[in-house]
Amino acid sequence: MIFFDIDNTLIDYDASENNAVTELFKEKYDISLNDEQVQYWHAISKKYFDKYLQGELTFQEQGKKRFCEMTDFCGRNTEENENELLFCDYQFLLEKSWALFGDVNDAIKLLKNFRLGIISNGKSKQQKTKLLCTNIDDYFEIQLFSEDIGKAKPCEDIFLEAVRKSGEKINDIIYVGDNVITDIVPCEKIGIKSVLIDRKGESDSCHTAINNLCELEKLVKKWR
């Protein structure tokens, strides 16, 4: 069985974030975010989302803290209730911005004879909605989200639960993701075959990597 990560593996999450935060600040404050400000948003989003995954903050708390820092960085002073509203508006714009990478649908067609699944960090409803909005939900037989399991990648437990649900042997499972630390390393530790999707060819990793998801079919057949 082949399991996939979602964000920046199937969904172009970075581009969706760019679009949503840029539109929000233009609409609310007539601020056209520059590259430095957008990169700052990515950095604080990762920082606070990681705190959410570690159980240090609720999902809403991490969102409010993101906007507290971001508005300050952009020269605006905001109260807690305003940051909460900004996060709600951002979530709405983000959902409108979700889009698949160009290779996803073709890759899914090539893999039509294989069982497919999802292992993803994040809130179940949001992650599920991404699959529904991009019309790929039906292709994934098993879908595991960290909110439901109570464990987030890179914890090995979420991968072991996927193996258990699949009913297959652990060395017959393949996982595809974009992050070496959260996706690749934990799989290798427990004997799951892992594939790094590196569309920009930027990784110097020694792990198995592909630049396009359509390359996965040949790789899977080779392993089988």
N, C-alpha and C. Protein backbone atom coordinates (compact mmCIF):
# COMPACT_ATOMS: atom_id res chain seq x y z
N MET A 1 0.84 -1.19 0.00
CA MET A 1 0.00 0.00 0.00
C MET A 1 0.88 1.24 0.00
N ILE A 2 0.44 2.28 -0.69
CA ILE A 2 1.20 3.52 -0.79
C ILE A 2 0.46 4.62 -0.04
N PHE A 3 1.12 5.19 0.97
CA PHE A 3 0.56 6.30 1.72
C PHE A 3 1.25 7.60 1.31
N PHE A 4 0.49 8.70 1.37
CA PHE A 4 1.01 10.01 1.00
C PHE A 4 0.81 11.02 2.13
N ASP A 5 1.76 11.93 2.24
CA ASP A 5 1.57 13.17 2.98
C ASP A 5 0.63 14.04 2.14
N ILE A 6 0.09 15.12 2.72
CA ILE A 6 -0.77 16.03 1.94
C ILE A 6 -0.06 17.33 1.59
N ASP A 7 0.29 18.12 2.61
CA ASP A 7 0.79 19.47 2.39
C ASP A 7 2.19 19.48 1.78
N ASN A 8 2.30 20.14 0.63
CA ASN A 8 3.53 20.24 -0.16
C ASN A 8 3.99 18.90 -0.73
N THR A 9 3.07 17.93 -0.69
CA THR A 9 3.27 16.66 -1.40
C THR A 9 2.20 16.52 -2.47
N LEU A 10 0.94 16.62 -2.05
CA LEU A 10 -0.19 16.61 -2.98
C LEU A 10 -0.73 18.02 -3.21
N ILE A 11 -0.90 18.75 -2.13
CA ILE A 11 -1.41 20.13 -2.17
C ILE A 11 -0.23 21.10 -2.16
N ASP A 12 -0.27 22.10 -3.04
CA ASP A 12 0.78 23.13 -3.04
C ASP A 12 0.47 24.12 -1.91
N TYR A 13 0.82 23.70 -0.70
CA TYR A 13 0.43 24.46 0.48
C TYR A 13 1.14 25.80 0.58
N ASP A 14 2.40 25.85 0.21
CA ASP A 14 3.14 27.13 0.27
C ASP A 14 2.48 28.18 -0.61
N ALA A 15 2.10 27.78 -1.82
CA ALA A 15 1.44 28.72 -2.73
C ALA A 15 0.08 29.14 -2.19
N SER A 16 -0.64 28.21 -1.58
CA SER A 16 -1.94 28.53 -1.00
C SER A 16 -1.80 29.53 0.14
N GLU A 17 -0.79 29.32 0.98
CA GLU A 17 -0.52 30.26 2.07
C GLU A 17 -0.18 31.64 1.54
N ASN A 18 0.68 31.67 0.53
CA ASN A 18 1.07 32.95 -0.08
C ASN A 18 -0.17 33.72 -0.54
N ASN A 19 -1.01 33.02 -1.29
CA ASN A 19 -2.20 33.67 -1.85
C ASN A 19 -3.13 34.18 -0.75
N ALA A 20 -3.35 33.34 0.27
CA ALA A 20 -4.32 33.69 1.31
C ALA A 20 -3.85 34.86 2.18
N VAL A 21 -2.60 34.81 2.63
CA VAL A 21 -2.12 35.87 3.52
C VAL A 21 -1.94 37.18 2.75
N THR A 22 -1.53 37.10 1.49
CA THR A 22 -1.38 38.30 0.67
C THR A 22 -2.73 38.97 0.43
N GLU A 23 -3.73 38.17 0.09
CA GLU A 23 -5.07 38.72 -0.15
C GLU A 23 -5.65 39.32 1.12
N LEU A 24 -5.42 38.65 2.26
CA LEU A 24 -5.98 39.12 3.52
C LEU A 24 -5.42 40.49 3.92
N PHE A 25 -4.11 40.65 3.84
CA PHE A 25 -3.51 41.92 4.27
C PHE A 25 -3.83 43.06 3.29
N LYS A 26 -4.02 42.72 2.05
CA LYS A 26 -4.43 43.74 1.08
C LYS A 26 -5.87 44.17 1.36
N GLU A 27 -6.71 43.21 1.64
CA GLU A 27 -8.13 43.49 1.88
C GLU A 27 -8.35 44.23 3.20
N LYS A 28 -7.66 43.80 4.27
CA LYS A 28 -7.90 44.37 5.59
C LYS A 28 -7.15 45.68 5.83
N TYR A 29 -5.91 45.76 5.34
CA TYR A 29 -5.06 46.89 5.70
C TYR A 29 -4.48 47.64 4.51
N ASP A 30 -4.86 47.22 3.31
CA ASP A 30 -4.30 47.80 2.09
C ASP A 30 -2.77 47.73 2.10
N ILE A 31 -2.26 46.60 2.60
CA ILE A 31 -0.82 46.35 2.63
C ILE A 31 -0.49 45.30 1.57
N SER A 32 0.41 45.64 0.67
CA SER A 32 0.90 44.66 -0.32
C SER A 32 2.15 44.01 0.26
N LEU A 33 2.02 42.78 0.70
CA LEU A 33 3.14 42.11 1.36
C LEU A 33 4.30 41.91 0.39
N ASN A 34 5.51 42.19 0.87
CA ASN A 34 6.71 41.93 0.07
C ASN A 34 7.25 40.53 0.37
N ASP A 35 8.29 40.12 -0.33
CA ASP A 35 8.83 38.77 -0.17
C ASP A 35 9.29 38.51 1.26
N GLU A 36 9.90 39.50 1.88
CA GLU A 36 10.39 39.33 3.25
C GLU A 36 9.22 39.07 4.21
N GLN A 37 8.15 39.80 4.03
CA GLN A 37 6.98 39.63 4.90
C GLN A 37 6.32 38.27 4.68
N VAL A 38 6.24 37.83 3.44
CA VAL A 38 5.65 36.52 3.15
C VAL A 38 6.50 35.41 3.75
N GLN A 39 7.81 35.52 3.63
CA GLN A 39 8.70 34.51 4.21
C GLN A 39 8.61 34.51 5.73
N TYR A 40 8.42 35.69 6.31
CA TYR A 40 8.24 35.77 7.76
C TYR A 40 6.97 35.03 8.18
N TRP A 41 5.91 35.19 7.38
CA TRP A 41 4.67 34.48 7.65
C TRP A 41 4.88 32.97 7.63
N HIS A 42 5.62 32.47 6.64
CA HIS A 42 5.89 31.03 6.57
C HIS A 42 6.63 30.57 7.82
N ALA A 43 7.60 31.36 8.26
CA ALA A 43 8.43 30.98 9.41
C ALA A 43 7.62 30.91 10.69
N ILE A 44 6.79 31.93 10.95
CA ILE A 44 6.01 31.91 12.19
C ILE A 44 4.87 30.90 12.12
N SER A 45 4.37 30.64 10.92
CA SER A 45 3.33 29.62 10.76
C SER A 45 3.88 28.26 11.16
N LYS A 46 5.07 27.95 10.71
CA LYS A 46 5.70 26.67 11.07
C LYS A 46 5.96 26.60 12.57
N LYS A 47 6.47 27.71 13.13
CA LYS A 47 6.79 27.73 14.56
C LYS A 47 5.58 27.43 15.42
N TYR A 48 4.48 28.11 15.13
CA TYR A 48 3.30 27.95 15.98
C TYR A 48 2.52 26.68 15.66
N PHE A 49 2.55 26.25 14.40
CA PHE A 49 1.87 25.00 14.07
C PHE A 49 2.58 23.82 14.73
N ASP A 50 3.90 23.88 14.81
CA ASP A 50 4.65 22.83 15.51
C ASP A 50 4.27 22.79 16.99
N LYS A 51 4.04 23.97 17.59
CA LYS A 51 3.60 24.01 18.99
C LYS A 51 2.22 23.39 19.14
N TYR A 52 1.37 23.59 18.14
CA TYR A 52 0.06 22.94 18.16
C TYR A 52 0.20 21.43 18.08
N LEU A 53 1.04 20.95 17.18
CA LEU A 53 1.23 19.51 17.03
C LEU A 53 1.81 18.88 18.30
N GLN A 54 2.62 19.65 19.02
CA GLN A 54 3.23 19.15 20.27
C GLN A 54 2.30 19.28 21.47
N GLY A 55 1.09 19.82 21.24
CA GLY A 55 0.11 19.94 22.30
C GLY A 55 0.30 21.14 23.21
N GLU A 56 1.17 22.08 22.81
CA GLU A 56 1.44 23.26 23.63
C GLU A 56 0.39 24.34 23.43
N LEU A 57 -0.27 24.35 22.28
CA LEU A 57 -1.29 25.34 21.96
C LEU A 57 -2.47 24.66 21.29
N THR A 58 -3.66 25.24 21.43
CA THR A 58 -4.78 24.76 20.64
C THR A 58 -4.64 25.28 19.21
N PHE A 59 -5.46 24.76 18.32
CA PHE A 59 -5.39 25.21 16.93
C PHE A 59 -5.70 26.70 16.83
N GLN A 60 -6.72 27.15 17.56
CA GLN A 60 -7.08 28.56 17.51
C GLN A 60 -6.00 29.45 18.15
N GLU A 61 -5.40 28.97 19.22
CA GLU A 61 -4.35 29.75 19.88
C GLU A 61 -3.15 29.96 18.97
N GLN A 62 -2.74 28.90 18.27
CA GLN A 62 -1.59 29.05 17.40
C GLN A 62 -1.90 30.02 16.25
N GLY A 63 -3.15 30.02 15.81
CA GLY A 63 -3.54 30.95 14.74
C GLY A 63 -3.50 32.39 15.20
N LYS A 64 -4.03 32.64 16.40
CA LYS A 64 -4.02 34.01 16.93
C LYS A 64 -2.60 34.52 17.16
N LYS A 65 -1.73 33.65 17.65
CA LYS A 65 -0.34 34.06 17.90
C LYS A 65 0.38 34.37 16.58
N ARG A 66 0.05 33.64 15.55
CA ARG A 66 0.64 33.93 14.24
C ARG A 66 0.31 35.37 13.82
N PHE A 67 -0.96 35.73 13.96
CA PHE A 67 -1.37 37.05 13.50
C PHE A 67 -0.91 38.16 14.44
N CYS A 68 -0.76 37.85 15.71
CA CYS A 68 -0.19 38.83 16.63
C CYS A 68 1.21 39.22 16.17
N GLU A 69 2.03 38.22 15.82
CA GLU A 69 3.39 38.49 15.37
C GLU A 69 3.42 39.12 13.98
N MET A 70 2.56 38.62 13.10
CA MET A 70 2.60 39.08 11.72
C MET A 70 2.16 40.54 11.59
N THR A 71 1.08 40.90 12.29
CA THR A 71 0.62 42.28 12.20
C THR A 71 1.64 43.24 12.81
N ASP A 72 2.29 42.80 13.88
CA ASP A 72 3.34 43.62 14.48
C ASP A 72 4.50 43.81 13.51
N PHE A 73 4.87 42.74 12.83
CA PHE A 73 5.96 42.78 11.86
C PHE A 73 5.63 43.73 10.70
N CYS A 74 4.34 43.84 10.41
CA CYS A 74 3.89 44.71 9.31
C CYS A 74 3.50 46.11 9.79
N GLY A 75 3.78 46.40 11.06
CA GLY A 75 3.55 47.75 11.57
C GLY A 75 2.14 48.05 12.04
N ARG A 76 1.40 46.99 12.37
CA ARG A 76 0.04 47.17 12.87
C ARG A 76 -0.05 46.65 14.30
N ASN A 77 -0.78 47.32 15.16
CA ASN A 77 -1.04 46.86 16.52
C ASN A 77 -2.46 46.30 16.58
N THR A 78 -2.60 45.05 16.95
CA THR A 78 -3.92 44.41 16.98
C THR A 78 -4.21 43.80 18.34
N GLU A 79 -5.49 43.75 18.68
CA GLU A 79 -5.94 43.12 19.93
C GLU A 79 -6.21 41.64 19.67
N GLU A 80 -6.36 40.89 20.76
CA GLU A 80 -6.56 39.44 20.65
C GLU A 80 -7.79 39.09 19.82
N ASN A 81 -8.89 39.82 20.03
CA ASN A 81 -10.12 39.48 19.29
C ASN A 81 -9.96 39.76 17.79
N GLU A 82 -9.17 40.80 17.45
CA GLU A 82 -8.92 41.08 16.04
C GLU A 82 -8.09 39.98 15.41
N ASN A 83 -7.10 39.49 16.16
CA ASN A 83 -6.25 38.40 15.65
C ASN A 83 -7.06 37.12 15.44
N GLU A 84 -8.02 36.91 16.32
CA GLU A 84 -8.89 35.74 16.18
C GLU A 84 -9.73 35.84 14.91
N LEU A 85 -10.27 37.03 14.65
CA LEU A 85 -11.05 37.24 13.43
C LEU A 85 -10.18 37.13 12.18
N LEU A 86 -8.97 37.64 12.27
CA LEU A 86 -8.04 37.54 11.14
C LEU A 86 -7.76 36.08 10.80
N PHE A 87 -7.57 35.27 11.83
CA PHE A 87 -7.30 33.86 11.60
C PHE A 87 -8.49 33.17 10.94
N CYS A 88 -9.69 33.52 11.36
CA CYS A 88 -10.90 32.94 10.74
C CYS A 88 -10.98 33.33 9.27
N ASP A 89 -10.75 34.61 8.98
CA ASP A 89 -10.80 35.08 7.59
C ASP A 89 -9.70 34.41 6.76
N TYR A 90 -8.55 34.25 7.37
CA TYR A 90 -7.43 33.60 6.68
C TYR A 90 -7.77 32.16 6.33
N GLN A 91 -8.40 31.45 7.27
CA GLN A 91 -8.77 30.06 7.01
C GLN A 91 -9.73 29.96 5.82
N PHE A 92 -10.66 30.91 5.73
CA PHE A 92 -11.60 30.95 4.62
C PHE A 92 -10.88 31.17 3.29
N LEU A 93 -9.96 32.13 3.27
CA LEU A 93 -9.20 32.42 2.04
C LEU A 93 -8.27 31.27 1.68
N LEU A 94 -7.72 30.62 2.71
CA LEU A 94 -6.82 29.50 2.46
C LEU A 94 -7.56 28.35 1.79
N GLU A 95 -8.76 28.08 2.27
CA GLU A 95 -9.56 27.01 1.68
C GLU A 95 -9.86 27.28 0.21
N LYS A 96 -10.10 28.53 -0.12
CA LYS A 96 -10.36 28.90 -1.52
C LYS A 96 -9.11 28.76 -2.39
N SER A 97 -7.93 28.77 -1.75
CA SER A 97 -6.67 28.77 -2.48
C SER A 97 -6.07 27.38 -2.69
N TRP A 98 -6.64 26.36 -2.07
CA TRP A 98 -6.04 25.03 -2.16
C TRP A 98 -6.04 24.52 -3.59
N ALA A 99 -4.88 24.03 -4.01
CA ALA A 99 -4.73 23.50 -5.37
C ALA A 99 -3.70 22.39 -5.37
N LEU A 100 -3.92 21.43 -6.24
CA LEU A 100 -2.98 20.31 -6.39
C LEU A 100 -1.77 20.72 -7.19
N PHE A 101 -0.65 20.05 -6.94
CA PHE A 101 0.48 20.16 -7.84
C PHE A 101 0.07 19.53 -9.18
N GLY A 102 0.72 19.96 -10.25
CA GLY A 102 0.34 19.54 -11.59
C GLY A 102 0.52 18.07 -11.89
N ASP A 103 1.35 17.38 -11.09
CA ASP A 103 1.62 15.96 -11.37
C ASP A 103 0.70 15.00 -10.62
N VAL A 104 -0.14 15.52 -9.73
CA VAL A 104 -0.88 14.65 -8.82
C VAL A 104 -1.91 13.77 -9.53
N ASN A 105 -2.77 14.35 -10.33
CA ASN A 105 -3.82 13.56 -11.00
C ASN A 105 -3.24 12.52 -11.94
N ASP A 106 -2.19 12.88 -12.67
CA ASP A 106 -1.56 11.91 -13.57
C ASP A 106 -0.94 10.76 -12.79
N ALA A 107 -0.32 11.09 -11.67
CA ALA A 107 0.30 10.04 -10.84
C ALA A 107 -0.75 9.10 -10.28
N ILE A 108 -1.86 9.64 -9.82
CA ILE A 108 -2.93 8.81 -9.28
C ILE A 108 -3.46 7.84 -10.35
N LYS A 109 -3.57 8.31 -11.58
CA LYS A 109 -4.03 7.44 -12.67
C LYS A 109 -3.04 6.31 -12.90
N LEU A 110 -1.75 6.63 -12.85
CA LEU A 110 -0.72 5.61 -13.04
C LEU A 110 -0.72 4.57 -11.93
N LEU A 111 -1.18 4.97 -10.75
CA LEU A 111 -1.16 4.09 -9.59
C LEU A 111 -2.52 3.46 -9.32
N LYS A 112 -3.38 3.41 -10.34
CA LYS A 112 -4.76 2.97 -10.15
C LYS A 112 -4.87 1.52 -9.67
N ASN A 113 -3.84 0.72 -9.88
CA ASN A 113 -3.89 -0.67 -9.46
C ASN A 113 -3.31 -0.90 -8.07
N PHE A 114 -2.97 0.17 -7.38
CA PHE A 114 -2.41 0.08 -6.04
C PHE A 114 -3.37 0.68 -5.02
N ARG A 115 -3.33 0.15 -3.82
CA ARG A 115 -4.09 0.75 -2.72
C ARG A 115 -3.37 2.02 -2.28
N LEU A 116 -4.14 3.09 -2.07
CA LEU A 116 -3.56 4.37 -1.70
C LEU A 116 -4.13 4.85 -0.37
N GLY A 117 -3.32 5.59 0.38
CA GLY A 117 -3.77 6.12 1.66
C GLY A 117 -3.11 7.44 1.99
N ILE A 118 -3.51 8.01 3.11
CA ILE A 118 -3.01 9.31 3.58
C ILE A 118 -2.53 9.19 5.02
N ILE A 119 -1.37 9.78 5.32
CA ILE A 119 -0.91 9.98 6.69
C ILE A 119 -0.50 11.45 6.78
N SER A 120 -1.21 12.23 7.59
CA SER A 120 -0.98 13.67 7.58
C SER A 120 -1.10 14.28 8.97
N ASN A 121 -0.25 15.23 9.27
CA ASN A 121 -0.42 16.03 10.48
C ASN A 121 -1.51 17.07 10.26
N GLY A 122 -2.13 17.51 11.36
CA GLY A 122 -3.11 18.58 11.27
C GLY A 122 -4.49 18.19 11.75
N LYS A 123 -5.41 19.14 11.65
CA LYS A 123 -6.79 18.90 12.05
C LYS A 123 -7.49 18.04 11.00
N SER A 124 -8.21 17.06 11.47
CA SER A 124 -8.85 16.10 10.57
C SER A 124 -9.78 16.76 9.56
N LYS A 125 -10.64 17.66 10.06
CA LYS A 125 -11.62 18.30 9.18
C LYS A 125 -10.93 19.11 8.09
N GLN A 126 -9.91 19.87 8.46
CA GLN A 126 -9.23 20.70 7.48
C GLN A 126 -8.51 19.86 6.44
N GLN A 127 -7.81 18.81 6.89
CA GLN A 127 -7.06 17.97 5.96
C GLN A 127 -8.00 17.21 5.03
N LYS A 128 -9.10 16.73 5.59
CA LYS A 128 -10.09 16.02 4.79
C LYS A 128 -10.70 16.96 3.75
N THR A 129 -10.96 18.21 4.14
CA THR A 129 -11.55 19.18 3.23
C THR A 129 -10.63 19.47 2.05
N LYS A 130 -9.33 19.47 2.30
CA LYS A 130 -8.37 19.69 1.22
C LYS A 130 -8.53 18.62 0.13
N LEU A 131 -8.69 17.38 0.58
CA LEU A 131 -8.85 16.28 -0.37
C LEU A 131 -10.18 16.38 -1.12
N LEU A 132 -11.22 16.79 -0.40
CA LEU A 132 -12.53 16.93 -1.02
C LEU A 132 -12.56 18.09 -2.02
N CYS A 133 -11.98 19.22 -1.62
CA CYS A 133 -12.00 20.41 -2.48
C CYS A 133 -11.21 20.22 -3.77
N THR A 134 -10.23 19.36 -3.72
CA THR A 134 -9.40 19.12 -4.91
C THR A 134 -9.79 17.84 -5.64
N ASN A 135 -10.90 17.24 -5.21
CA ASN A 135 -11.51 16.09 -5.91
C ASN A 135 -10.64 14.84 -5.95
N ILE A 136 -9.87 14.60 -4.88
CA ILE A 136 -9.05 13.38 -4.86
C ILE A 136 -9.36 12.49 -3.66
N ASP A 137 -10.33 12.88 -2.85
CA ASP A 137 -10.63 12.15 -1.61
C ASP A 137 -10.94 10.67 -1.85
N ASP A 138 -11.69 10.38 -2.88
CA ASP A 138 -12.15 9.01 -3.12
C ASP A 138 -11.02 8.03 -3.45
N TYR A 139 -9.88 8.53 -3.83
CA TYR A 139 -8.77 7.65 -4.21
C TYR A 139 -8.05 7.05 -3.01
N PHE A 140 -8.25 7.62 -1.82
CA PHE A 140 -7.46 7.22 -0.67
C PHE A 140 -8.28 6.41 0.32
N GLU A 141 -8.02 5.13 0.32
CA GLU A 141 -8.81 4.16 1.08
C GLU A 141 -8.70 4.36 2.59
N ILE A 142 -7.48 4.59 3.07
CA ILE A 142 -7.23 4.81 4.50
C ILE A 142 -6.67 6.21 4.68
N GLN A 143 -7.25 6.96 5.62
CA GLN A 143 -6.79 8.34 5.86
C GLN A 143 -6.58 8.52 7.36
N LEU A 144 -5.34 8.78 7.74
CA LEU A 144 -4.99 8.97 9.14
C LEU A 144 -4.49 10.39 9.36
N PHE A 145 -5.06 11.06 10.37
CA PHE A 145 -4.68 12.42 10.69
C PHE A 145 -4.23 12.48 12.15
N SER A 146 -3.23 13.31 12.40
CA SER A 146 -2.63 13.35 13.74
C SER A 146 -3.65 13.70 14.82
N GLU A 147 -4.61 14.55 14.52
CA GLU A 147 -5.62 14.93 15.51
C GLU A 147 -6.38 13.71 16.01
N ASP A 148 -6.68 12.77 15.13
CA ASP A 148 -7.44 11.58 15.50
C ASP A 148 -6.58 10.56 16.23
N ILE A 149 -5.33 10.42 15.79
CA ILE A 149 -4.45 9.40 16.36
C ILE A 149 -3.88 9.85 17.70
N GLY A 150 -3.75 11.17 17.88
CA GLY A 150 -3.15 11.68 19.11
C GLY A 150 -1.64 11.68 19.06
N LYS A 151 -1.08 11.40 17.90
CA LYS A 151 0.36 11.42 17.67
C LYS A 151 0.62 12.08 16.33
N ALA A 152 1.66 12.90 16.26
CA ALA A 152 1.99 13.60 15.03
C ALA A 152 3.33 13.14 14.49
N LYS A 153 3.47 13.15 13.18
CA LYS A 153 4.78 12.89 12.59
C LYS A 153 5.78 13.90 13.15
N PRO A 154 6.99 13.52 13.47
CA PRO A 154 7.67 12.28 13.11
C PRO A 154 7.52 11.11 14.08
N CYS A 155 6.57 11.19 15.00
CA CYS A 155 6.35 10.04 15.89
C CYS A 155 6.03 8.80 15.05
N GLU A 156 6.69 7.71 15.37
CA GLU A 156 6.53 6.49 14.57
C GLU A 156 5.16 5.84 14.75
N ASP A 157 4.46 6.18 15.85
CA ASP A 157 3.19 5.52 16.15
C ASP A 157 2.15 5.72 15.06
N ILE A 158 2.12 6.91 14.45
CA ILE A 158 1.11 7.17 13.43
C ILE A 158 1.36 6.32 12.18
N PHE A 159 2.63 6.06 11.89
CA PHE A 159 2.96 5.20 10.76
C PHE A 159 2.63 3.73 11.08
N LEU A 160 2.90 3.33 12.31
CA LEU A 160 2.58 1.95 12.71
C LEU A 160 1.08 1.70 12.70
N GLU A 161 0.31 2.73 13.05
CA GLU A 161 -1.15 2.59 13.00
C GLU A 161 -1.61 2.43 11.55
N ALA A 162 -0.95 3.12 10.64
CA ALA A 162 -1.29 2.99 9.21
C ALA A 162 -1.00 1.56 8.73
N VAL A 163 0.10 1.01 9.17
CA VAL A 163 0.44 -0.38 8.80
C VAL A 163 -0.63 -1.31 9.34
N ARG A 164 -1.01 -1.11 10.59
CA ARG A 164 -2.03 -1.98 11.21
C ARG A 164 -3.34 -1.91 10.43
N LYS A 165 -3.78 -0.70 10.08
CA LYS A 165 -5.04 -0.55 9.36
C LYS A 165 -4.98 -1.13 7.95
N SER A 166 -3.81 -1.10 7.36
CA SER A 166 -3.66 -1.62 5.99
C SER A 166 -3.79 -3.13 5.93
N GLY A 167 -3.39 -3.81 7.00
CA GLY A 167 -3.39 -5.26 7.02
C GLY A 167 -2.24 -5.87 6.23
N GLU A 168 -1.31 -5.05 5.80
CA GLU A 168 -0.17 -5.52 5.02
C GLU A 168 1.09 -5.59 5.88
N LYS A 169 2.11 -6.27 5.37
CA LYS A 169 3.38 -6.33 6.08
C LYS A 169 4.07 -4.98 5.99
N ILE A 170 4.83 -4.66 7.03
CA ILE A 170 5.43 -3.34 7.10
C ILE A 170 6.39 -3.06 5.94
N ASN A 171 7.08 -4.10 5.46
CA ASN A 171 8.02 -3.88 4.35
C ASN A 171 7.33 -3.84 2.99
N ASP A 172 6.00 -3.96 2.99
CA ASP A 172 5.24 -3.78 1.75
C ASP A 172 4.61 -2.39 1.68
N ILE A 173 4.80 -1.60 2.72
CA ILE A 173 4.23 -0.26 2.77
C ILE A 173 5.23 0.76 2.22
N ILE A 174 4.70 1.73 1.47
CA ILE A 174 5.52 2.83 0.92
C ILE A 174 4.91 4.14 1.39
N TYR A 175 5.77 5.09 1.78
CA TYR A 175 5.29 6.40 2.18
C TYR A 175 5.98 7.49 1.38
N VAL A 176 5.20 8.44 0.90
CA VAL A 176 5.72 9.53 0.06
C VAL A 176 5.48 10.85 0.77
N GLY A 177 6.54 11.63 0.97
CA GLY A 177 6.42 12.92 1.63
C GLY A 177 7.50 13.88 1.20
N ASP A 178 7.37 15.14 1.63
CA ASP A 178 8.30 16.18 1.17
C ASP A 178 9.33 16.58 2.22
N ASN A 179 9.24 16.00 3.43
CA ASN A 179 10.11 16.42 4.52
C ASN A 179 10.93 15.25 5.04
N VAL A 180 12.24 15.39 5.00
CA VAL A 180 13.12 14.30 5.43
C VAL A 180 12.90 13.96 6.90
N ILE A 181 12.81 14.98 7.74
CA ILE A 181 12.74 14.76 9.18
C ILE A 181 11.41 14.15 9.61
N THR A 182 10.30 14.69 9.10
CA THR A 182 8.99 14.21 9.56
C THR A 182 8.43 13.05 8.74
N ASP A 183 8.88 12.89 7.51
CA ASP A 183 8.32 11.87 6.63
C ASP A 183 9.25 10.67 6.39
N ILE A 184 10.49 10.96 6.11
CA ILE A 184 11.40 9.93 5.63
C ILE A 184 12.10 9.17 6.76
N VAL A 185 12.72 9.90 7.67
CA VAL A 185 13.50 9.28 8.74
C VAL A 185 12.68 8.32 9.61
N PRO A 186 11.48 8.71 10.09
CA PRO A 186 10.72 7.77 10.93
C PRO A 186 10.31 6.51 10.19
N CYS A 187 10.03 6.63 8.90
CA CYS A 187 9.68 5.44 8.11
C CYS A 187 10.86 4.48 8.01
N GLU A 188 12.02 5.02 7.75
CA GLU A 188 13.21 4.18 7.62
C GLU A 188 13.54 3.47 8.93
N LYS A 189 13.26 4.11 10.05
CA LYS A 189 13.54 3.51 11.35
C LYS A 189 12.72 2.25 11.60
N ILE A 190 11.49 2.21 11.05
CA ILE A 190 10.61 1.07 11.34
C ILE A 190 10.44 0.12 10.15
N GLY A 191 11.14 0.39 9.05
CA GLY A 191 11.12 -0.55 7.93
C GLY A 191 10.12 -0.26 6.84
N ILE A 192 9.53 0.94 6.84
CA ILE A 192 8.66 1.36 5.74
C ILE A 192 9.53 1.97 4.64
N LYS A 193 9.29 1.57 3.40
CA LYS A 193 10.00 2.19 2.28
C LYS A 193 9.52 3.63 2.12
N SER A 194 10.44 4.56 1.98
CA SER A 194 10.05 5.97 1.91
C SER A 194 10.59 6.62 0.65
N VAL A 195 9.82 7.59 0.16
CA VAL A 195 10.20 8.33 -1.06
C VAL A 195 10.05 9.82 -0.78
N LEU A 196 11.12 10.55 -1.01
CA LEU A 196 11.10 12.00 -0.85
C LEU A 196 10.68 12.64 -2.17
N ILE A 197 9.60 13.44 -2.15
CA ILE A 197 9.23 14.20 -3.35
C ILE A 197 9.94 15.54 -3.28
N ASP A 198 10.82 15.77 -4.25
CA ASP A 198 11.69 16.96 -4.27
C ASP A 198 11.56 17.61 -5.64
N ARG A 199 10.46 18.32 -5.83
CA ARG A 199 10.13 18.86 -7.15
C ARG A 199 11.15 19.88 -7.65
N LYS A 200 11.78 20.59 -6.74
CA LYS A 200 12.74 21.62 -7.15
C LYS A 200 14.17 21.09 -7.25
N GLY A 201 14.37 19.84 -6.90
CA GLY A 201 15.70 19.25 -6.98
C GLY A 201 16.69 19.91 -6.03
N GLU A 202 16.20 20.36 -4.87
CA GLU A 202 17.04 21.10 -3.95
C GLU A 202 17.69 20.23 -2.88
N SER A 203 17.17 19.03 -2.68
CA SER A 203 17.67 18.20 -1.59
C SER A 203 18.99 17.54 -1.94
N ASP A 204 19.89 17.51 -0.96
CA ASP A 204 21.15 16.77 -1.12
C ASP A 204 21.09 15.49 -0.30
N SER A 205 19.87 15.07 0.01
CA SER A 205 19.65 13.89 0.83
C SER A 205 20.09 12.61 0.11
N CYS A 206 20.55 11.65 0.90
CA CYS A 206 20.95 10.36 0.35
C CYS A 206 19.75 9.41 0.26
N HIS A 207 18.58 9.89 0.65
CA HIS A 207 17.39 9.04 0.63
C HIS A 207 16.81 8.96 -0.78
N THR A 208 15.99 7.95 -1.02
CA THR A 208 15.33 7.80 -2.32
C THR A 208 14.46 9.02 -2.60
N ALA A 209 14.70 9.67 -3.74
CA ALA A 209 13.98 10.91 -4.05
C ALA A 209 13.52 10.91 -5.51
N ILE A 210 12.39 11.59 -5.75
CA ILE A 210 11.87 11.78 -7.10
C ILE A 210 11.53 13.26 -7.28
N ASN A 211 11.52 13.72 -8.52
CA ASN A 211 11.19 15.12 -8.82
C ASN A 211 9.75 15.30 -9.28
N ASN A 212 9.09 14.19 -9.60
CA ASN A 212 7.73 14.22 -10.11
C ASN A 212 7.01 12.97 -9.61
N LEU A 213 5.79 13.12 -9.14
CA LEU A 213 5.08 11.97 -8.58
C LEU A 213 4.83 10.87 -9.62
N CYS A 214 4.85 11.23 -10.89
CA CYS A 214 4.65 10.22 -11.93
C CYS A 214 5.80 9.22 -11.99
N GLU A 215 6.94 9.58 -11.42
CA GLU A 215 8.07 8.67 -11.35
C GLU A 215 7.83 7.54 -10.36
N LEU A 216 6.83 7.72 -9.52
CA LEU A 216 6.58 6.76 -8.45
C LEU A 216 6.17 5.38 -8.97
N GLU A 217 5.42 5.35 -10.06
CA GLU A 217 4.93 4.07 -10.59
C GLU A 217 6.07 3.11 -10.89
N LYS A 218 7.07 3.58 -11.61
CA LYS A 218 8.20 2.71 -11.96
C LYS A 218 8.97 2.27 -10.72
N LEU A 219 9.10 3.19 -9.78
CA LEU A 219 9.83 2.88 -8.55
C LEU A 219 9.10 1.80 -7.75
N VAL A 220 7.80 1.92 -7.66
CA VAL A 220 7.00 0.95 -6.92
C VAL A 220 7.08 -0.42 -7.58
N LYS A 221 6.98 -0.45 -8.89
CA LYS A 221 7.06 -1.73 -9.60
C LYS A 221 8.43 -2.37 -9.43
N LYS A 222 9.46 -1.56 -9.37
CA LYS A 222 10.82 -2.07 -9.14
C LYS A 222 10.93 -2.70 -7.77
N TRP A 223 10.34 -2.06 -6.78
CA TRP A 223 10.40 -2.58 -5.41
C TRP A 223 9.55 -3.83 -5.24
N ARG A 224 8.48 -3.94 -6.02
CA ARG A 224 7.60 -5.10 -5.90
C ARG A 224 8.16 -6.31 -6.64
